[in-house]
Protein backbone atom coordinates (compact mmCIF):
# COMPACT_ATOMS: atom_id res chain seq x y z
CA MET A 1 -1.08 72.53 -43.54
CA PRO A 2 0.99 75.63 -42.72
CA ARG A 3 4.46 75.13 -41.26
CA ASP A 4 3.68 77.14 -38.11
CA GLU A 5 1.11 74.62 -36.89
CA LYS A 6 2.56 71.74 -34.92
CA LYS A 7 1.08 68.30 -34.64
CA GLU A 8 -0.28 67.38 -31.25
CA LYS A 9 1.71 64.62 -29.62
CA GLY A 10 0.59 61.98 -27.16
CA SER A 11 1.92 61.63 -23.65
CA GLY A 12 5.35 60.69 -25.08
CA GLY A 13 8.35 59.57 -23.11
CA LYS A 14 9.79 56.15 -22.42
CA LYS A 15 8.19 53.46 -20.32
CA GLN A 16 9.86 52.86 -16.99
CA LYS A 17 11.19 49.37 -16.39
CA LYS A 18 9.76 47.40 -13.49
CA LYS A 19 12.42 46.31 -11.03
CA SER A 20 12.05 42.78 -9.71
CA PRO A 21 13.18 41.96 -6.19
CA ARG A 22 16.71 40.55 -6.08
CA THR A 23 17.61 37.40 -4.18
CA LYS A 24 20.16 37.93 -1.47
CA LYS A 25 23.47 36.10 -1.79
CA GLY A 26 23.06 34.64 1.69
CA SER A 27 20.07 32.61 0.50
CA TYR A 28 22.36 30.45 -1.67
CA TYR A 29 24.20 29.07 1.37
CA THR A 30 23.21 27.37 4.62
CA VAL A 31 25.44 26.99 7.66
CA SER A 32 25.14 23.82 9.72
CA GLY A 33 27.66 23.69 12.54
CA GLU A 34 31.05 24.51 11.05
CA LYS A 35 30.05 23.27 7.61
CA LEU A 36 28.91 25.54 4.75
CA GLU A 37 26.46 23.95 2.31
CA ARG A 38 25.70 25.43 -1.12
CA ARG A 39 22.46 25.21 -3.06
CA ASN A 40 22.44 23.11 -6.24
CA CYS A 41 24.86 24.23 -8.94
CA CYS A 42 24.49 23.58 -12.65
CA PRO A 43 26.24 20.35 -13.72
CA LYS A 44 26.98 21.76 -17.19
CA CYS A 45 28.24 25.24 -16.22
CA GLY A 46 30.15 24.29 -13.09
CA SER A 47 30.25 25.28 -9.45
CA GLY A 48 29.95 29.05 -10.04
CA VAL A 49 26.42 29.02 -11.46
CA PHE A 50 23.47 28.32 -9.16
CA MET A 51 20.19 26.72 -10.23
CA ALA A 52 16.98 28.74 -9.83
CA GLN A 53 14.43 27.15 -7.50
CA HIS A 54 10.90 26.88 -8.93
CA ARG A 55 7.81 25.05 -7.69
CA ASP A 56 8.16 22.10 -10.06
CA ARG A 57 11.73 22.37 -11.36
CA GLN A 58 15.27 23.68 -10.92
CA ALA A 59 16.64 25.65 -13.89
CA CYS A 60 19.98 27.18 -14.88
CA GLY A 61 19.67 30.77 -16.08
CA ASN A 62 22.96 30.56 -17.97
CA CYS A 63 22.56 27.51 -20.22
CA GLY A 64 18.89 26.55 -19.73
CA TYR A 65 19.53 23.12 -18.16
CA THR A 66 16.42 21.98 -16.22
CA GLU A 67 15.87 19.29 -13.59
CA TRP A 68 12.20 18.46 -12.98
CA LYS A 69 11.02 17.61 -9.47
CA THR A 70 9.11 14.37 -9.23
CA ALA A 71 5.63 14.33 -7.69
CA LYS A 72 5.45 11.98 -4.72
């Protein structure tokens, strides 16, 4: 193949990342009267790391600790 001919390339370029919706910081707290209540925190990591709320479990994104909800 002569050097002047170039190979045809595909569409090229990088794939764009999909952005997931972020949870708002206000959803981690509830105000009842003059008292501020926090959502569950991870018992291993401490009070600064919140647990993610799922349908059947609560999970820590930092260490992977999971608490399963019991079916009633």
